[in-house]
Amino acid sequence: MEMLLASAIGALSAAGIYLMLRLRSFPVIIGISLLSYAVNLFLFATGRLVINAPPVLRDGVDTYTDPLPQALVLTAIVISFGMTAVIVIMALGSYLSSRSDTVNITSDTPAEQEGEA
């Protein structure tokens, strides 16, 4: 089970980093989402993988799951959803203003924007 989870975290991280290095905004958004999923799985795995164990102490229970990683993952899911929504709106605004989905990484100012500055 641990090997499967570690492989999933590695695959999500590799795919997320690969997509984040693309020069278009939509793959960058998908890459950030995949990387946040990998971090969520990593946080969840830090609490030990225990199956059918309660997250809180009760009388007569010998094994339990640490509830802190579950709370951290839930918080991270909410934060990543909000961040994804903000990034999508920024990418949409960029696309509507420039009619291009390409990320410009050059330091040169385009000829049409030189007159506005």
C-alpha atoms as a PDB file:
ATOM      1  CA  MET A   1       0.000   0.000   0.000  1.00  0.00           C
ATOM      2  CA  GLU A   2       2.835   2.400   0.843  1.00  0.00           C
ATOM      3  CA  MET A   3       4.580   1.713  -2.464  1.00  0.00           C
ATOM      4  CA  LEU A   4       1.359   2.456  -4.379  1.00  0.00           C
ATOM      5  CA  LEU A   5       0.858   5.714  -2.492  1.00  0.00           C
ATOM      6  CA  ALA A   6       4.489   6.764  -2.953  1.00  0.00           C
ATOM      7  CA  SER A   7       4.259   5.990  -6.679  1.00  0.00           C
ATOM      8  CA  ALA A   8       1.054   8.024  -6.975  1.00  0.00           C
ATOM      9  CA  ILE A   9       2.665  10.973  -5.186  1.00  0.00           C
ATOM     10  CA  GLY A  10       5.710  10.756  -7.465  1.00  0.00           C
ATOM     11  CA  ALA A  11       3.632  10.497 -10.632  1.00  0.00           C
ATOM     12  CA  LEU A  12       1.402  13.427  -9.654  1.00  0.00           C
ATOM     13  CA  SER A  13       4.445  15.525  -8.729  1.00  0.00           C
ATOM     14  CA  ALA A  14       6.259  14.727 -11.974  1.00  0.00           C
ATOM     15  CA  ALA A  15       3.210  15.428 -14.130  1.00  0.00           C
ATOM     16  CA  GLY A  16       2.457  18.620 -12.211  1.00  0.00           C
ATOM     17  CA  ILE A  17       5.982  19.977 -12.576  1.00  0.00           C
ATOM     18  CA  TYR A  18       6.069  19.032 -16.276  1.00  0.00           C
ATOM     19  CA  LEU A  19       2.789  20.850 -16.925  1.00  0.00           C
ATOM     20  CA  MET A  20       3.866  23.873 -14.890  1.00  0.00           C
ATOM     21  CA  LEU A  21       6.857  24.319 -17.207  1.00  0.00           C
ATOM     22  CA  ARG A  22       4.661  24.609 -20.315  1.00  0.00           C
ATOM     23  CA  LEU A  23       4.267  27.974 -22.053  1.00  0.00           C
ATOM     24  CA  ARG A  24       0.472  28.026 -22.058  1.00  0.00           C
ATOM     25  CA  SER A  25      -1.681  29.052 -19.133  1.00  0.00           C
ATOM     26  CA  PHE A  26      -4.166  26.144 -19.121  1.00  0.00           C
ATOM     27  CA  PRO A  27      -1.504  23.410 -18.686  1.00  0.00           C
ATOM     28  CA  VAL A  28       0.077  25.539 -15.949  1.00  0.00           C
ATOM     29  CA  ILE A  29      -3.244  25.593 -14.085  1.00  0.00           C
ATOM     30  CA  ILE A  30      -3.635  21.818 -14.443  1.00  0.00           C
ATOM     31  CA  GLY A  31      -0.016  21.351 -13.293  1.00  0.00           C
ATOM     32  CA  ILE A  32      -0.586  23.424 -10.161  1.00  0.00           C
ATOM     33  CA  SER A  33      -3.708  21.383  -9.407  1.00  0.00           C
ATOM     34  CA  LEU A  34      -1.845  18.085  -9.846  1.00  0.00           C
ATOM     35  CA  LEU A  35       0.964  19.304  -7.619  1.00  0.00           C
ATOM     36  CA  SER A  36      -1.525  20.314  -4.925  1.00  0.00           C
ATOM     37  CA  TYR A  37      -3.104  16.829  -5.138  1.00  0.00           C
ATOM     38  CA  ALA A  38       0.354  15.305  -4.637  1.00  0.00           C
ATOM     39  CA  VAL A  39       0.930  17.479  -1.573  1.00  0.00           C
ATOM     40  CA  ASN A  40      -2.483  16.491  -0.198  1.00  0.00           C
ATOM     41  CA  LEU A  41      -1.656  12.799  -0.594  1.00  0.00           C
ATOM     42  CA  PHE A  42       1.716  13.361   1.065  1.00  0.00           C
ATOM     43  CA  LEU A  43       0.086  15.145   4.015  1.00  0.00           C
ATOM     44  CA  PHE A  44      -2.457  12.358   4.323  1.00  0.00           C
ATOM     45  CA  ALA A  45       0.284   9.723   4.287  1.00  0.00           C
ATOM     46  CA  THR A  46       2.147  11.426   7.138  1.00  0.00           C
ATOM     47  CA  GLY A  47      -0.577  10.277   9.510  1.00  0.00           C
ATOM     48  CA  ARG A  48       0.258   6.577   8.930  1.00  0.00           C
ATOM     49  CA  LEU A  49      -1.912   4.422   6.710  1.00  0.00           C
ATOM     50  CA  VAL A  50      -4.336   2.707   9.078  1.00  0.00           C
ATOM     51  CA  ILE A  51      -7.455   1.056   7.678  1.00  0.00           C
ATOM     52  CA  ASN A  52     -10.749   0.926   9.629  1.00  0.00           C
ATOM     53  CA  ALA A  53      -9.405   2.807  12.630  1.00  0.00           C
ATOM     54  CA  PRO A  54     -11.273   5.703  14.270  1.00  0.00           C
ATOM     55  CA  PRO A  55      -9.605   9.153  14.199  1.00  0.00           C
ATOM     56  CA  VAL A  56     -10.497   9.847  17.848  1.00  0.00           C
ATOM     57  CA  LEU A  57      -9.740   8.034  21.066  1.00  0.00           C
ATOM     58  CA  ARG A  58     -12.599   6.012  22.517  1.00  0.00           C
ATOM     59  CA  ASP A  59     -12.842   3.550  25.340  1.00  0.00           C
ATOM     60  CA  GLY A  60     -11.749   0.074  24.317  1.00  0.00           C
ATOM     61  CA  VAL A  61      -9.956   1.133  21.115  1.00  0.00           C
ATOM     62  CA  ASP A  62      -6.330   0.070  20.812  1.00  0.00           C
ATOM     63  CA  THR A  63      -5.403   1.591  17.445  1.00  0.00           C
ATOM     64  CA  TYR A  64      -6.483   4.934  16.100  1.00  0.00           C
ATOM     65  CA  THR A  65      -5.595   7.263  13.244  1.00  0.00           C
ATOM     66  CA  ASP A  66      -3.974  10.633  13.808  1.00  0.00           C
ATOM     67  CA  PRO A  67      -6.665  13.261  13.020  1.00  0.00           C
ATOM     68  CA  LEU A  68      -4.202  16.116  12.397  1.00  0.00           C
ATOM     69  CA  PRO A  69      -3.171  15.095   8.829  1.00  0.00           C
ATOM     70  CA  GLN A  70      -6.840  14.646   7.932  1.00  0.00           C
ATOM     71  CA  ALA A  71      -7.576  18.189   9.131  1.00  0.00           C
ATOM     72  CA  LEU A  72      -4.546  19.514   7.251  1.00  0.00           C
ATOM     73  CA  VAL A  73      -5.639  17.805   4.025  1.00  0.00           C
ATOM     74  CA  LEU A  74      -9.166  19.166   4.354  1.00  0.00           C
ATOM     75  CA  THR A  75      -7.778  22.674   4.845  1.00  0.00           C
ATOM     76  CA  ALA A  76      -5.375  22.230   1.922  1.00  0.00           C
ATOM     77  CA  ILE A  77      -8.217  21.096  -0.356  1.00  0.00           C
ATOM     78  CA  VAL A  78     -10.224  24.228   0.434  1.00  0.00           C
ATOM     79  CA  ILE A  79      -7.204  26.494  -0.065  1.00  0.00           C
ATOM     80  CA  SER A  80      -6.196  24.822  -3.342  1.00  0.00           C
ATOM     81  CA  PHE A  81      -9.755  25.124  -4.670  1.00  0.00           C
ATOM     82  CA  GLY A  82      -9.737  28.852  -3.915  1.00  0.00           C
ATOM     83  CA  MET A  83      -6.278  29.307  -5.433  1.00  0.00           C
ATOM     84  CA  THR A  84      -7.312  27.412  -8.573  1.00  0.00           C
ATOM     85  CA  ALA A  85     -10.364  29.646  -8.954  1.00  0.00           C
ATOM     86  CA  VAL A  86      -8.201  32.782  -8.639  1.00  0.00           C
ATOM     87  CA  ILE A  87      -5.643  31.471 -11.151  1.00  0.00           C
ATOM     88  CA  VAL A  88      -8.376  30.518 -13.643  1.00  0.00           C
ATOM     89  CA  ILE A  89      -9.866  34.030 -13.426  1.00  0.00           C
ATOM     90  CA  MET A  90      -6.408  35.591 -13.897  1.00  0.00           C
ATOM     91  CA  ALA A  91      -5.700  33.349 -16.910  1.00  0.00           C
ATOM     92  CA  LEU A  92      -9.119  34.133 -18.394  1.00  0.00           C
ATOM     93  CA  GLY A  93      -8.514  37.867 -17.961  1.00  0.00           C
ATOM     94  CA  SER A  94      -5.106  37.537 -19.587  1.00  0.00           C
ATOM     95  CA  TYR A  95      -6.561  35.579 -22.487  1.00  0.00           C
ATOM     96  CA  LEU A  96      -9.405  38.059 -23.037  1.00  0.00           C
ATOM     97  CA  SER A  97      -7.042  41.046 -22.987  1.00  0.00           C
ATOM     98  CA  SER A  98      -4.378  39.609 -25.287  1.00  0.00           C
ATOM     99  CA  ARG A  99      -6.310  36.954 -27.273  1.00  0.00           C
ATOM    100  CA  SER A 100      -3.469  34.531 -26.601  1.00  0.00           C
ATOM    101  CA  ASP A 101      -3.003  31.701 -24.121  1.00  0.00           C
ATOM    102  CA  THR A 102       0.789  31.805 -24.380  1.00  0.00           C
ATOM    103  CA  VAL A 103       2.891  32.777 -21.373  1.00  0.00           C
ATOM    104  CA  ASN A 104       5.359  35.479 -22.435  1.00  0.00           C
ATOM    105  CA  ILE A 105       8.746  34.904 -20.800  1.00  0.00           C
ATOM    106  CA  THR A 106      10.810  37.400 -22.770  1.00  0.00           C
ATOM    107  CA  SER A 107      11.859  40.720 -21.262  1.00  0.00           C
ATOM    108  CA  ASP A 108      11.289  42.570 -24.543  1.00  0.00           C
ATOM    109  CA  THR A 109       8.256  44.815 -24.710  1.00  0.00           C
ATOM    110  CA  PRO A 110       6.074  44.176 -27.769  1.00  0.00           C
ATOM    111  CA  ALA A 111       6.036  46.980 -30.333  1.00  0.00           C
ATOM    112  CA  GLU A 112       2.322  47.674 -29.839  1.00  0.00           C
ATOM    113  CA  GLN A 113       2.757  48.249 -26.073  1.00  0.00           C
ATOM    114  CA  GLU A 114       5.774  50.564 -26.348  1.00  0.00           C
ATOM    115  CA  GLY A 115       3.616  53.551 -27.271  1.00  0.00           C
ATOM    116  CA  GLU A 116       1.335  53.069 -24.250  1.00  0.00           C
ATOM    117  CA  ALA A 117       4.138  53.143 -21.660  1.00  0.00           C
END
